PDB file of N, CA and C in Angstrom:
ATOM      1  N   MET A   1     -21.523  77.819 -73.807  1.00  0.00           N
ATOM      2  CA  MET A   1     -22.178  76.519 -73.573  1.00  0.00           C
ATOM      3  C   MET A   1     -23.377  77.207 -72.671  1.00  0.00           C
ATOM      4  N   ARG A   2     -23.082  78.007 -72.001  1.00  0.00           N
ATOM      5  CA  ARG A   2     -24.368  78.309 -70.780  1.00  0.00           C
ATOM      6  C   ARG A   2     -25.014  79.251 -71.844  1.00  0.00           C
ATOM      7  N   LYS A   3     -24.407  79.910 -72.591  1.00  0.00           N
ATOM      8  CA  LYS A   3     -25.733  81.019 -73.403  1.00  0.00           C
ATOM      9  C   LYS A   3     -26.327  80.337 -74.311  1.00  0.00           C
ATOM     10  N   LYS A   4     -25.948  79.153 -74.865  1.00  0.00           N
ATOM     11  CA  LYS A   4     -26.523  77.990 -75.621  1.00  0.00           C
ATOM     12  C   LYS A   4     -27.699  77.761 -74.884  1.00  0.00           C
ATOM     13  N   ILE A   5     -27.518  77.267 -73.651  1.00  0.00           N
ATOM     14  CA  ILE A   5     -28.809  76.332 -73.013  1.00  0.00           C
ATOM     15  C   ILE A   5     -29.411  77.506 -72.608  1.00  0.00           C
ATOM     16  N   THR A   6     -29.170  78.563 -72.199  1.00  0.00           N
ATOM     17  CA  THR A   6     -30.229  79.832 -71.872  1.00  0.00           C
ATOM     18  C   THR A   6     -31.020  80.247 -73.069  1.00  0.00           C
ATOM     19  N   ALA A   7     -30.465  80.216 -74.262  1.00  0.00           N
ATOM     20  CA  ALA A   7     -31.001  80.597 -75.210  1.00  0.00           C
ATOM     21  C   ALA A   7     -32.037  79.495 -75.814  1.00  0.00           C
ATOM     22  N   ALA A   8     -31.788  78.549 -75.682  1.00  0.00           N
ATOM     23  CA  ALA A   8     -32.612  76.996 -75.819  1.00  0.00           C
ATOM     24  C   ALA A   8     -33.888  77.192 -74.963  1.00  0.00           C
ATOM     25  N   LEU A   9     -33.448  77.421 -73.759  1.00  0.00           N
ATOM     26  CA  LEU A   9     -34.574  77.379 -72.847  1.00  0.00           C
ATOM     27  C   LEU A   9     -35.654  78.494 -73.130  1.00  0.00           C
ATOM     28  N   LEU A  10     -35.132  79.605 -73.375  1.00  0.00           N
ATOM     29  CA  LEU A  10     -36.005  80.984 -73.735  1.00  0.00           C
ATOM     30  C   LEU A  10     -36.782  80.697 -75.101  1.00  0.00           C
ATOM     31  N   VAL A  11     -36.082  79.803 -75.796  1.00  0.00           N
ATOM     32  CA  VAL A  11     -37.039  79.371 -76.952  1.00  0.00           C
ATOM     33  C   VAL A  11     -38.110  78.732 -76.649  1.00  0.00           C
ATOM     34  N   VAL A  12     -37.704  77.572 -75.971  1.00  0.00           N
ATOM     35  CA  VAL A  12     -38.697  76.539 -75.232  1.00  0.00           C
ATOM     36  C   VAL A  12     -39.947  77.149 -74.594  1.00  0.00           C
ATOM     37  N   PHE A  13     -39.423  78.229 -73.758  1.00  0.00           N
ATOM     38  CA  PHE A  13     -40.365  78.810 -72.921  1.00  0.00           C
ATOM     39  C   PHE A  13     -41.582  79.847 -73.819  1.00  0.00           C
ATOM     40  N   THR A  14     -40.810  80.341 -74.569  1.00  0.00           N
ATOM     41  CA  THR A  14     -41.711  81.265 -75.740  1.00  0.00           C
ATOM     42  C   THR A  14     -42.636  80.497 -76.726  1.00  0.00           C
ATOM     43  N   VAL A  15     -41.914  79.337 -76.960  1.00  0.00           N
ATOM     44  CA  VAL A  15     -42.979  78.387 -77.909  1.00  0.00           C
ATOM     45  C   VAL A  15     -44.193  77.969 -77.113  1.00  0.00           C
ATOM     46  N   PHE A  16     -43.858  77.217 -75.960  1.00  0.00           N
ATOM     47  CA  PHE A  16     -44.621  76.721 -74.894  1.00  0.00           C
ATOM     48  C   PHE A  16     -45.880  78.019 -74.487  1.00  0.00           C
ATOM     49  N   ALA A  17     -45.385  79.104 -74.054  1.00  0.00           N
ATOM     50  CA  ALA A  17     -46.318  80.366 -73.807  1.00  0.00           C
ATOM     51  C   ALA A  17     -47.195  80.765 -74.989  1.00  0.00           C
ATOM     52  N   VAL A  18     -46.730  80.445 -75.923  1.00  0.00           N
ATOM     53  CA  VAL A  18     -47.629  80.700 -77.348  1.00  0.00           C
ATOM     54  C   VAL A  18     -48.506  79.834 -77.574  1.00  0.00           C
ATOM     55  N   VAL A  19     -48.137  78.545 -77.477  1.00  0.00           N
ATOM     56  CA  VAL A  19     -49.024  77.354 -77.498  1.00  0.00           C
ATOM     57  C   VAL A  19     -50.402  77.582 -76.473  1.00  0.00           C
ATOM     58  N   VAL A  20     -49.787  77.593 -75.272  1.00  0.00           N
ATOM     59  CA  VAL A  20     -50.911  77.541 -74.051  1.00  0.00           C
ATOM     60  C   VAL A  20     -51.759  78.815 -74.207  1.00  0.00           C
ATOM     61  N   GLY A  21     -51.216  79.884 -74.779  1.00  0.00           N
ATOM     62  CA  GLY A  21     -52.208  81.117 -74.800  1.00  0.00           C
ATOM     63  C   GLY A  21     -53.058  81.078 -75.659  1.00  0.00           C
ATOM     64  N   SER A  22     -52.741  80.521 -77.054  1.00  0.00           N
ATOM     65  CA  SER A  22     -53.307  80.116 -78.029  1.00  0.00           C
ATOM     66  C   SER A  22     -54.465  79.313 -77.746  1.00  0.00           C
ATOM     67  N   PHE A  23     -54.294  78.184 -77.001  1.00  0.00           N
ATOM     68  CA  PHE A  23     -55.372  77.271 -76.732  1.00  0.00           C
ATOM     69  C   PHE A  23     -56.226  77.681 -75.737  1.00  0.00           C
ATOM     70  N   ALA A  24     -55.720  78.526 -75.077  1.00  0.00           N
ATOM     71  CA  ALA A  24     -56.789  79.100 -73.944  1.00  0.00           C
ATOM     72  C   ALA A  24     -57.682  80.057 -74.344  1.00  0.00           C
ATOM     73  N   LEU A  25     -57.154  80.907 -75.688  1.00  0.00           N
ATOM     74  CA  LEU A  25     -57.846  81.825 -76.055  1.00  0.00           C
ATOM     75  C   LEU A  25     -59.131  81.200 -76.976  1.00  0.00           C
ATOM     76  N   MET A  26     -58.840  79.939 -77.642  1.00  0.00           N
ATOM     77  CA  MET A  26     -59.661  79.230 -78.360  1.00  0.00           C
ATOM     78  C   MET A  26     -60.737  78.437 -77.797  1.00  0.00           C
ATOM     79  N   THR A  27     -60.358  78.319 -76.679  1.00  0.00           N
ATOM     80  CA  THR A  27     -61.400  77.454 -75.767  1.00  0.00           C
ATOM     81  C   THR A  27     -62.294  78.359 -74.785  1.00  0.00           C
ATOM     82  N   ALA A  28     -61.623  79.407 -74.381  1.00  0.00           N
ATOM     83  CA  ALA A  28     -62.445  80.346 -73.447  1.00  0.00           C
ATOM     84  C   ALA A  28     -63.293  80.928 -74.672  1.00  0.00           C
ATOM     85  N   SER A  29     -63.293  81.343 -75.798  1.00  0.00           N
ATOM     86  CA  SER A  29     -63.961  82.466 -76.421  1.00  0.00           C
ATOM     87  C   SER A  29     -64.572  81.565 -77.559  1.00  0.00           C
ATOM     88  N   SER A  30     -64.657  80.555 -77.484  1.00  0.00           N
ATOM     89  CA  SER A  30     -65.384  79.677 -78.630  1.00  0.00           C
ATOM     90  C   SER A  30     -66.792  79.718 -78.890  1.00  0.00           C
ATOM     91  N   THR A  31     -67.319  79.894 -77.493  1.00  0.00           N
ATOM     92  CA  THR A  31     -68.912  79.663 -77.414  1.00  0.00           C
ATOM     93  C   THR A  31     -69.359  81.089 -76.528  1.00  0.00           C
ATOM     94  N   PRO A  32     -70.568  81.547 -76.825  1.00  0.00           N
ATOM     95  CA  PRO A  32     -70.996  82.478 -75.784  1.00  0.00           C
ATOM     96  C   PRO A  32     -71.053  82.344 -74.581  1.00  0.00           C
ATOM     97  N   ALA A  33     -71.410  81.183 -74.240  1.00  0.00           N
ATOM     98  CA  ALA A  33     -71.605  80.863 -72.663  1.00  0.00           C
ATOM     99  C   ALA A  33     -70.087  80.927 -72.068  1.00  0.00           C
ATOM    100  N   MET A  34     -69.007  80.671 -72.780  1.00  0.00           N
ATOM    101  CA  MET A  34     -67.651  80.647 -72.138  1.00  0.00           C
ATOM    102  C   MET A  34     -67.029  82.264 -72.499  1.00  0.00           C
ATOM    103  N   ALA A  35     -67.600  83.081 -73.122  1.00  0.00           N
ATOM    104  CA  ALA A  35     -67.287  84.304 -73.252  1.00  0.00           C
ATOM    105  C   ALA A  35     -66.949  84.841 -72.267  1.00  0.00           C
ATOM    106  N   LYS A  36     -65.648  85.559 -71.958  1.00  0.00           N
ATOM    107  CA  LYS A  36     -65.153  86.590 -71.141  1.00  0.00           C
ATOM    108  C   LYS A  36     -64.658  87.731 -71.698  1.00  0.00           C
ATOM    109  N   CYS A  37     -65.296  88.696 -71.297  1.00  0.00           N
ATOM    110  CA  CYS A  37     -65.280  90.001 -72.050  1.00  0.00           C
ATOM    111  C   CYS A  37     -63.283  90.348 -71.840  1.00  0.00           C
ATOM    112  N   GLY A  38     -63.076  90.754 -72.677  1.00  0.00           N
ATOM    113  CA  GLY A  38     -61.538  91.324 -72.975  1.00  0.00           C
ATOM    114  C   GLY A  38     -60.817  90.159 -73.624  1.00  0.00           C
ATOM    115  N   ILE A  39     -61.685  88.977 -74.080  1.00  0.00           N
ATOM    116  CA  ILE A  39     -60.347  87.968 -74.662  1.00  0.00           C
ATOM    117  C   ILE A  39     -61.015  87.199 -75.804  1.00  0.00           C
ATOM    118  N   CYS A  40     -61.966  87.986 -76.381  1.00  0.00           N
ATOM    119  CA  CYS A  40     -62.900  87.626 -77.704  1.00  0.00           C
ATOM    120  C   CYS A  40     -61.978  87.917 -78.799  1.00  0.00           C
ATOM    121  N   PRO A  41     -62.131  86.577 -79.725  1.00  0.00           N
ATOM    122  CA  PRO A  41     -61.292  86.727 -80.773  1.00  0.00           C
ATOM    123  C   PRO A  41     -61.595  87.839 -81.730  1.00  0.00           C
ATOM    124  N   LEU A  42     -60.639  88.234 -82.587  1.00  0.00           N
ATOM    125  CA  LEU A  42     -60.747  89.678 -83.465  1.00  0.00           C
ATOM    126  C   LEU A  42     -61.270  89.437 -84.885  1.00  0.00           C
ATOM    127  N   TYR A  43     -62.059  88.273 -84.951  1.00  0.00           N
ATOM    128  CA  TYR A  43     -62.652  88.072 -86.377  1.00  0.00           C
ATOM    129  C   TYR A  43     -63.941  88.657 -86.163  1.00  0.00           C
ATOM    130  N   CYS A  44     -64.478  88.768 -87.429  1.00  0.00           N
ATOM    131  CA  CYS A  44     -65.774  89.525 -87.578  1.00  0.00           C
ATOM    132  C   CYS A  44     -66.551  88.966 -88.671  1.00  0.00           C
ATOM    133  N   ILE A  45     -67.575  88.254 -88.035  1.00  0.00           N
ATOM    134  CA  ILE A  45     -68.543  87.789 -89.197  1.00  0.00           C
ATOM    135  C   ILE A  45     -70.001  88.263 -89.164  1.00  0.00           C
ATOM    136  N   GLY A  46     -70.196  89.014 -88.108  1.00  0.00           N
ATOM    137  CA  GLY A  46     -71.621  89.435 -87.966  1.00  0.00           C
ATOM    138  C   GLY A  46     -72.608  88.709 -87.651  1.00  0.00           C
ATOM    139  N   VAL A  47     -72.936  88.879 -86.471  1.00  0.00           N
ATOM    140  CA  VAL A  47     -74.270  88.122 -85.764  1.00  0.00           C
ATOM    141  C   VAL A  47     -75.420  88.981 -85.441  1.00  0.00           C
ATOM    142  N   THR A  48     -76.567  88.881 -85.408  1.00  0.00           N
ATOM    143  CA  THR A  48     -77.528  89.761 -85.359  1.00  0.00           C
ATOM    144  C   THR A  48     -78.358  88.979 -83.898  1.00  0.00           C
ATOM    145  N   CYS A  49     -78.500  89.833 -83.028  1.00  0.00           N
ATOM    146  CA  CYS A  49     -79.288  89.102 -81.810  1.00  0.00           C
ATOM    147  C   CYS A  49     -80.525  89.551 -81.435  1.00  0.00           C
ATOM    148  N   ASP A  50     -81.424  88.920 -80.215  1.00  0.00           N
ATOM    149  CA  ASP A  50     -82.833  89.353 -80.317  1.00  0.00           C
ATOM    150  C   ASP A  50     -82.863  90.792 -80.030  1.00  0.00           C
ATOM    151  N   ASN A  51     -81.847  91.659 -79.730  1.00  0.00           N
ATOM    152  CA  ASN A  51     -82.081  92.999 -79.462  1.00  0.00           C
ATOM    153  C   ASN A  51     -82.165  93.856 -80.343  1.00  0.00           C
ATOM    154  N   GLY A  52     -81.887  93.318 -81.446  1.00  0.00           N
ATOM    155  CA  GLY A  52     -81.853  93.987 -82.921  1.00  0.00           C
ATOM    156  C   GLY A  52     -80.517  94.490 -82.964  1.00  0.00           C
ATOM    157  N   HIS A  53     -79.553  94.363 -82.336  1.00  0.00           N
ATOM    158  CA  HIS A  53     -78.031  94.758 -82.467  1.00  0.00           C
ATOM    159  C   HIS A  53     -77.316  93.720 -83.537  1.00  0.00           C
ATOM    160  N   THR A  54     -76.432  94.220 -84.281  1.00  0.00           N
ATOM    161  CA  THR A  54     -75.526  93.268 -84.699  1.00  0.00           C
ATOM    162  C   THR A  54     -73.972  93.388 -84.395  1.00  0.00           C
ATOM    163  N   TYR A  55     -73.492  92.390 -84.110  1.00  0.00           N
ATOM    164  CA  TYR A  55     -72.192  92.204 -83.434  1.00  0.00           C
ATOM    165  C   TYR A  55     -71.250  91.593 -84.352  1.00  0.00           C
ATOM    166  N   CYS A  56     -70.003  91.790 -84.115  1.00  0.00           N
ATOM    167  CA  CYS A  56     -68.792  91.168 -84.860  1.00  0.00           C
ATOM    168  C   CYS A  56     -69.099  89.759 -84.612  1.00  0.00           C
ATOM    169  N   ASN A  57     -69.058  89.126 -83.481  1.00  0.00           N
ATOM    170  CA  ASN A  57     -69.180  87.858 -83.343  1.00  0.00           C
ATOM    171  C   ASN A  57     -69.986  87.635 -82.204  1.00  0.00           C
ATOM    172  N   SER A  58     -70.154  86.213 -81.819  1.00  0.00           N
ATOM    173  CA  SER A  58     -71.017  85.771 -80.608  1.00  0.00           C
ATOM    174  C   SER A  58     -70.479  86.027 -79.238  1.00  0.00           C
ATOM    175  N   CYS A  59     -69.225  85.914 -79.056  1.00  0.00           N
ATOM    176  CA  CYS A  59     -68.258  86.664 -78.303  1.00  0.00           C
ATOM    177  C   CYS A  59     -68.522  87.715 -77.581  1.00  0.00           C
ATOM    178  N   LEU A  60     -68.635  88.652 -78.582  1.00  0.00           N
ATOM    179  CA  LEU A  60     -68.696  89.834 -78.278  1.00  0.00           C
ATOM    180  C   LEU A  60     -70.110  90.462 -77.974  1.00  0.00           C
ATOM    181  N   ALA A  61     -71.309  89.608 -78.599  1.00  0.00           N
ATOM    182  CA  ALA A  61     -72.355  89.855 -78.147  1.00  0.00           C
ATOM    183  C   ALA A  61     -73.030  89.114 -76.753  1.00  0.00           C
ATOM    184  N   ALA A  62     -72.346  88.155 -76.475  1.00  0.00           N
ATOM    185  CA  ALA A  62     -72.410  87.639 -75.255  1.00  0.00           C
ATOM    186  C   ALA A  62     -71.631  88.562 -74.309  1.00  0.00           C
ATOM    187  N   CYS A  63     -70.735  88.986 -74.307  1.00  0.00           N
ATOM    188  CA  CYS A  63     -70.151  90.347 -73.320  1.00  0.00           C
ATOM    189  C   CYS A  63     -71.244  91.407 -73.264  1.00  0.00           C
ATOM    190  N   ALA A  64     -71.823  91.771 -74.421  1.00  0.00           N
ATOM    191  CA  ALA A  64     -72.690  92.911 -74.331  1.00  0.00           C
ATOM    192  C   ALA A  64     -74.044  92.614 -73.568  1.00  0.00           C
ATOM    193  N   GLY A  65     -74.287  91.123 -73.524  1.00  0.00           N
ATOM    194  CA  GLY A  65     -75.417  90.765 -72.554  1.00  0.00           C
ATOM    195  C   GLY A  65     -76.569  90.260 -73.585  1.00  0.00           C
ATOM    196  N   ALA A  66     -76.077  90.097 -75.169  1.00  0.00           N
ATOM    197  CA  ALA A  66     -77.121  89.814 -75.963  1.00  0.00           C
ATOM    198  C   ALA A  66     -77.528  88.166 -76.009  1.00  0.00           C
ATOM    199  N   HIS A  67     -78.645  87.923 -76.645  1.00  0.00           N
ATOM    200  CA  HIS A  67     -79.091  86.480 -76.499  1.00  0.00           C
ATOM    201  C   HIS A  67     -79.477  86.358 -77.553  1.00  0.00           C
ATOM    202  N   ASN A  68     -79.650  85.049 -77.922  1.00  0.00           N
ATOM    203  CA  ASN A  68     -80.425  84.254 -79.349  1.00  0.00           C
ATOM    204  C   ASN A  68     -79.723  85.095 -80.518  1.00  0.00           C
ATOM    205  N   CYS A  69     -78.548  85.095 -80.869  1.00  0.00           N
ATOM    206  CA  CYS A  69     -77.928  85.569 -81.943  1.00  0.00           C
ATOM    207  C   CYS A  69     -77.537  84.693 -83.162  1.00  0.00           C
ATOM    208  N   VAL A  70     -78.084  85.114 -84.271  1.00  0.00           N
ATOM    209  CA  VAL A  70     -77.762  84.380 -85.486  1.00  0.00           C
ATOM    210  C   VAL A  70     -76.663  84.805 -86.409  1.00  0.00           C
ATOM    211  N   VAL A  71     -76.042  84.122 -86.720  1.00  0.00           N
ATOM    212  CA  VAL A  71     -74.868  84.584 -88.025  1.00  0.00           C
ATOM    213  C   VAL A  71     -75.641  85.204 -89.024  1.00  0.00           C
ATOM    214  N   THR A  72     -75.572  86.381 -89.321  1.00  0.00           N
ATOM    215  CA  THR A  72     -75.977  87.332 -90.610  1.00  0.00           C
ATOM    216  C   THR A  72     -75.145  87.511 -91.586  1.00  0.00           C
ATOM    217  N   GLY A  73     -73.771  87.533 -91.159  1.00  0.00           N
ATOM    218  CA  GLY A  73     -72.844  88.386 -92.057  1.00  0.00           C
ATOM    219  C   GLY A  73     -73.157  90.012 -92.152  1.00  0.00           C
ATOM    220  N   PHE A  74     -72.259  90.421 -93.129  1.00  0.00           N
ATOM    221  CA  PHE A  74     -72.495  92.038 -92.988  1.00  0.00           C
ATOM    222  C   PHE A  74     -73.141  92.274 -94.407  1.00  0.00           C
TER     223      PHE A  74
END
C-alpha cells in the first residue's frame, strides 16, 4: 500500500512539474521584452532586425540585443 501511495505522489509531482515548467517557459519567452537568455523556445521562424541580422525567433534576437525585428521566414 505504501509503495502505491509513493508511486502516485511521484506521478502527481512529475505532472505538476511539467505543467508548471511549460507554463513558465511559454509566458517568460513569448515576447522579446520578457525574454531571458537561456530559456528561449526552440522553434525557428526567422526574424530580421534593424541591425541586419536574421535570428531564429524574437526571443533569441532580444537576447542578442536586437531591436525592431520583423518575421521574414527563411
